[in-house]
Amino acid sequence: MTTTNDASTWTGEEARVRGVLDGTYAAWAANDADAFATYYTEDASIVLAVPPTFNQGRETIRAHMAAAFAGPLKGSRPVDTPQTVRLLGEDTAIVVSEGGILLPGESELPAERKRRATWVLSKTSGDWLVAAYHNSPVG
């Protein structure tokens, strides 16, 4: 199932999937690596094109984000708009989004930092979590 950004069309599960993304955005905006990592599965993976990054596992993701929030991403916040949400059965979702990172003092995302991302979420014990995330520059 593909959805738009019109909240009136979301099903309960789509809203829950989007809620996970909203939670990651809020944790990032708070520069809270511990909260950020709670939205990822124990064996989650993150692959970033720029800078080239691969993180495997919730603890590695948490440590990477803690270092980033203490350094180059301190005070940053994500801007991200889901373009599509597809539910594949009862326990898998794929989200394609577009966005990037606003650095302190920025109100608009520079074109060179725009990214398109693919999120894979899985539902375990009733909770949706990010199992894999990948982004690349918008071309």
C-alpha atoms as a PDB file:
ATOM      1  CA  MET A   1       0.000   0.000   0.000  1.00  0.00           C
ATOM      2  CA  THR A   2       1.327   3.418  -0.901  1.00  0.00           C
ATOM      3  CA  THR A   3       0.176   6.490   0.936  1.00  0.00           C
ATOM      4  CA  THR A   4       0.490  10.208   0.499  1.00  0.00           C
ATOM      5  CA  ASN A   5       1.364  12.752   3.145  1.00  0.00           C
ATOM      6  CA  ASP A   6      -2.354  13.382   3.770  1.00  0.00           C
ATOM      7  CA  ALA A   7      -2.898  12.150   7.333  1.00  0.00           C
ATOM      8  CA  SER A   8      -6.589  11.531   6.657  1.00  0.00           C
ATOM      9  CA  THR A   9      -5.667   8.570   4.431  1.00  0.00           C
ATOM     10  CA  TRP A  10      -3.380   6.748   6.878  1.00  0.00           C
ATOM     11  CA  THR A  11      -4.374   3.449   8.373  1.00  0.00           C
ATOM     12  CA  GLY A  12      -3.581   2.698  11.999  1.00  0.00           C
ATOM     13  CA  GLU A  13      -0.431   0.776  11.063  1.00  0.00           C
ATOM     14  CA  GLU A  14       0.786   3.468   8.684  1.00  0.00           C
ATOM     15  CA  ALA A  15       0.345   6.035  11.432  1.00  0.00           C
ATOM     16  CA  ARG A  16       2.363   3.820  13.797  1.00  0.00           C
ATOM     17  CA  VAL A  17       5.151   3.467  11.210  1.00  0.00           C
ATOM     18  CA  ARG A  18       5.227   7.226  10.714  1.00  0.00           C
ATOM     19  CA  GLY A  19       5.276   7.591  14.488  1.00  0.00           C
ATOM     20  CA  VAL A  20       8.574   5.700  14.605  1.00  0.00           C
ATOM     21  CA  LEU A  21      10.082   8.126  12.116  1.00  0.00           C
ATOM     22  CA  ASP A  22       8.674  11.064  14.097  1.00  0.00           C
ATOM     23  CA  GLY A  23      10.270   9.595  17.228  1.00  0.00           C
ATOM     24  CA  THR A  24      13.681   9.399  15.557  1.00  0.00           C
ATOM     25  CA  TYR A  25      13.330  13.014  14.374  1.00  0.00           C
ATOM     26  CA  ALA A  26      12.403  14.192  17.886  1.00  0.00           C
ATOM     27  CA  ALA A  27      15.292  12.274  19.477  1.00  0.00           C
ATOM     28  CA  TRP A  28      17.684  13.769  16.900  1.00  0.00           C
ATOM     29  CA  ALA A  29      16.366  17.295  17.487  1.00  0.00           C
ATOM     30  CA  ALA A  30      16.996  16.731  21.207  1.00  0.00           C
ATOM     31  CA  ASN A  31      20.481  15.379  20.356  1.00  0.00           C
ATOM     32  CA  ASP A  32      19.566  12.304  22.429  1.00  0.00           C
ATOM     33  CA  ALA A  33      21.475   9.296  21.086  1.00  0.00           C
ATOM     34  CA  ASP A  34      19.976   6.936  23.678  1.00  0.00           C
ATOM     35  CA  ALA A  35      16.409   7.821  22.670  1.00  0.00           C
ATOM     36  CA  PHE A  36      17.355   7.745  18.977  1.00  0.00           C
ATOM     37  CA  ALA A  37      18.715   4.195  19.239  1.00  0.00           C
ATOM     38  CA  THR A  38      15.546   2.868  20.901  1.00  0.00           C
ATOM     39  CA  TYR A  39      13.764   3.166  17.539  1.00  0.00           C
ATOM     40  CA  TYR A  40      16.159   0.646  15.932  1.00  0.00           C
ATOM     41  CA  THR A  41      16.217  -3.152  16.151  1.00  0.00           C
ATOM     42  CA  GLU A  42      19.114  -4.802  17.994  1.00  0.00           C
ATOM     43  CA  ASP A  43      20.661  -5.824  14.644  1.00  0.00           C
ATOM     44  CA  ALA A  44      19.693  -2.730  12.620  1.00  0.00           C
ATOM     45  CA  SER A  45      21.949  -1.337   9.922  1.00  0.00           C
ATOM     46  CA  ILE A  46      22.517   2.214   8.735  1.00  0.00           C
ATOM     47  CA  VAL A  47      24.257   2.917   5.429  1.00  0.00           C
ATOM     48  CA  LEU A  48      24.998   6.517   4.476  1.00  0.00           C
ATOM     49  CA  ALA A  49      26.428   7.616   1.155  1.00  0.00           C
ATOM     50  CA  VAL A  50      27.814  10.943   2.417  1.00  0.00           C
ATOM     51  CA  PRO A  51      29.933  10.668   4.406  1.00  0.00           C
ATOM     52  CA  PRO A  52      30.391   6.958   3.650  1.00  0.00           C
ATOM     53  CA  THR A  53      29.165   5.256   6.800  1.00  0.00           C
ATOM     54  CA  PHE A  54      28.089   1.788   7.836  1.00  0.00           C
ATOM     55  CA  ASN A  55      26.775   1.043  11.319  1.00  0.00           C
ATOM     56  CA  GLN A  56      25.547  -2.400  12.350  1.00  0.00           C
ATOM     57  CA  GLY A  57      23.635  -2.920  15.577  1.00  0.00           C
ATOM     58  CA  ARG A  58      21.714  -0.677  17.933  1.00  0.00           C
ATOM     59  CA  GLU A  59      24.663  -0.031  20.246  1.00  0.00           C
ATOM     60  CA  THR A  60      26.952   0.928  17.349  1.00  0.00           C
ATOM     61  CA  ILE A  61      24.248   3.258  16.029  1.00  0.00           C
ATOM     62  CA  ARG A  62      23.825   4.788  19.493  1.00  0.00           C
ATOM     63  CA  ALA A  63      27.579   5.325  19.917  1.00  0.00           C
ATOM     64  CA  HIS A  64      27.900   6.834  16.420  1.00  0.00           C
ATOM     65  CA  MET A  65      25.050   9.261  17.062  1.00  0.00           C
ATOM     66  CA  ALA A  66      26.363  10.180  20.527  1.00  0.00           C
ATOM     67  CA  ALA A  67      29.709  11.132  18.972  1.00  0.00           C
ATOM     68  CA  ALA A  68      27.973  13.036  16.163  1.00  0.00           C
ATOM     69  CA  PHE A  69      25.704  14.926  18.587  1.00  0.00           C
ATOM     70  CA  ALA A  70      28.732  15.856  20.696  1.00  0.00           C
ATOM     71  CA  GLY A  71      30.618  17.009  17.595  1.00  0.00           C
ATOM     72  CA  PRO A  72      29.636  17.928  14.042  1.00  0.00           C
ATOM     73  CA  LEU A  73      25.879  17.409  14.473  1.00  0.00           C
ATOM     74  CA  LYS A  74      25.554  19.210  17.814  1.00  0.00           C
ATOM     75  CA  GLY A  75      22.423  21.348  17.672  1.00  0.00           C
ATOM     76  CA  SER A  76      21.367  19.961  14.300  1.00  0.00           C
ATOM     77  CA  ARG A  77      17.902  18.725  13.445  1.00  0.00           C
ATOM     78  CA  PRO A  78      16.547  16.541  10.686  1.00  0.00           C
ATOM     79  CA  VAL A  79      13.992  17.594   8.114  1.00  0.00           C
ATOM     80  CA  ASP A  80      12.402  14.610   6.473  1.00  0.00           C
ATOM     81  CA  THR A  81       9.181  14.034   4.594  1.00  0.00           C
ATOM     82  CA  PRO A  82       7.979  10.508   3.907  1.00  0.00           C
ATOM     83  CA  GLN A  83       7.057  10.227   0.233  1.00  0.00           C
ATOM     84  CA  THR A  84       5.611   6.706   0.373  1.00  0.00           C
ATOM     85  CA  VAL A  85       4.770   4.158   3.039  1.00  0.00           C
ATOM     86  CA  ARG A  86       4.267   0.577   1.905  1.00  0.00           C
ATOM     87  CA  LEU A  87       3.087  -2.131   4.236  1.00  0.00           C
ATOM     88  CA  LEU A  88       4.308  -5.562   3.131  1.00  0.00           C
ATOM     89  CA  GLY A  89       2.173  -7.944   5.108  1.00  0.00           C
ATOM     90  CA  GLU A  90       1.617  -7.456   8.817  1.00  0.00           C
ATOM     91  CA  ASP A  91       5.185  -7.023  10.002  1.00  0.00           C
ATOM     92  CA  THR A  92       7.243  -5.186   7.366  1.00  0.00           C
ATOM     93  CA  ALA A  93       7.076  -1.624   6.076  1.00  0.00           C
ATOM     94  CA  ILE A  94       9.162   0.315   3.587  1.00  0.00           C
ATOM     95  CA  VAL A  95       9.259   4.101   3.694  1.00  0.00           C
ATOM     96  CA  VAL A  96      10.897   6.315   1.088  1.00  0.00           C
ATOM     97  CA  SER A  97      11.536   9.830   2.340  1.00  0.00           C
ATOM     98  CA  GLU A  98      13.293  12.991   1.306  1.00  0.00           C
ATOM     99  CA  GLY A  99      15.075  15.413   3.574  1.00  0.00           C
ATOM    100  CA  GLY A 100      18.376  16.210   5.187  1.00  0.00           C
ATOM    101  CA  ILE A 101      20.022  17.837   8.181  1.00  0.00           C
ATOM    102  CA  LEU A 102      19.656  21.457   9.219  1.00  0.00           C
ATOM    103  CA  LEU A 103      22.721  22.710  11.039  1.00  0.00           C
ATOM    104  CA  PRO A 104      22.430  25.245  13.852  1.00  0.00           C
ATOM    105  CA  GLY A 105      21.175  28.584  12.553  1.00  0.00           C
ATOM    106  CA  GLU A 106      19.812  27.166   9.298  1.00  0.00           C
ATOM    107  CA  SER A 107      16.143  27.416   8.406  1.00  0.00           C
ATOM    108  CA  GLU A 108      16.382  26.015   4.894  1.00  0.00           C
ATOM    109  CA  LEU A 109      18.068  22.846   3.663  1.00  0.00           C
ATOM    110  CA  PRO A 110      20.819  23.525   1.092  1.00  0.00           C
ATOM    111  CA  ALA A 111      20.265  21.572  -2.144  1.00  0.00           C
ATOM    112  CA  GLU A 112      23.638  19.830  -1.870  1.00  0.00           C
ATOM    113  CA  ARG A 113      22.598  18.258   1.464  1.00  0.00           C
ATOM    114  CA  LYS A 114      19.227  16.909   0.304  1.00  0.00           C
ATOM    115  CA  ARG A 115      18.943  13.148   0.657  1.00  0.00           C
ATOM    116  CA  ARG A 116      16.509  10.448  -0.377  1.00  0.00           C
ATOM    117  CA  ALA A 117      16.237   7.642   2.129  1.00  0.00           C
ATOM    118  CA  THR A 118      14.820   4.143   2.329  1.00  0.00           C
ATOM    119  CA  TRP A 119      13.674   2.905   5.716  1.00  0.00           C
ATOM    120  CA  VAL A 120      12.812  -0.745   6.353  1.00  0.00           C
ATOM    121  CA  LEU A 121      10.781  -1.287   9.502  1.00  0.00           C
ATOM    122  CA  SER A 122       9.753  -4.534  11.127  1.00  0.00           C
ATOM    123  CA  LYS A 123       7.156  -5.218  13.759  1.00  0.00           C
ATOM    124  CA  THR A 124       8.285  -7.389  16.640  1.00  0.00           C
ATOM    125  CA  SER A 125       6.129  -8.049  19.684  1.00  0.00           C
ATOM    126  CA  GLY A 126       3.689  -5.419  18.399  1.00  0.00           C
ATOM    127  CA  ASP A 127       6.225  -2.586  18.093  1.00  0.00           C
ATOM    128  CA  TRP A 128       7.522  -1.116  14.847  1.00  0.00           C
ATOM    129  CA  LEU A 129      11.299  -0.528  14.755  1.00  0.00           C
ATOM    130  CA  VAL A 130      13.784   0.470  12.066  1.00  0.00           C
ATOM    131  CA  ALA A 131      15.650  -2.603  10.799  1.00  0.00           C
ATOM    132  CA  ALA A 132      17.577  -0.842   8.026  1.00  0.00           C
ATOM    133  CA  TYR A 133      18.140   2.709   6.818  1.00  0.00           C
ATOM    134  CA  HIS A 134      19.983   3.931   3.742  1.00  0.00           C
ATOM    135  CA  ASN A 135      20.276   7.368   2.186  1.00  0.00           C
ATOM    136  CA  SER A 136      21.909   8.926  -0.827  1.00  0.00           C
ATOM    137  CA  PRO A 137      22.098  12.414  -2.344  1.00  0.00           C
ATOM    138  CA  VAL A 138      19.053  13.564  -4.287  1.00  0.00           C
ATOM    139  CA  GLY A 139      20.193  13.681  -7.917  1.00  0.00           C
END
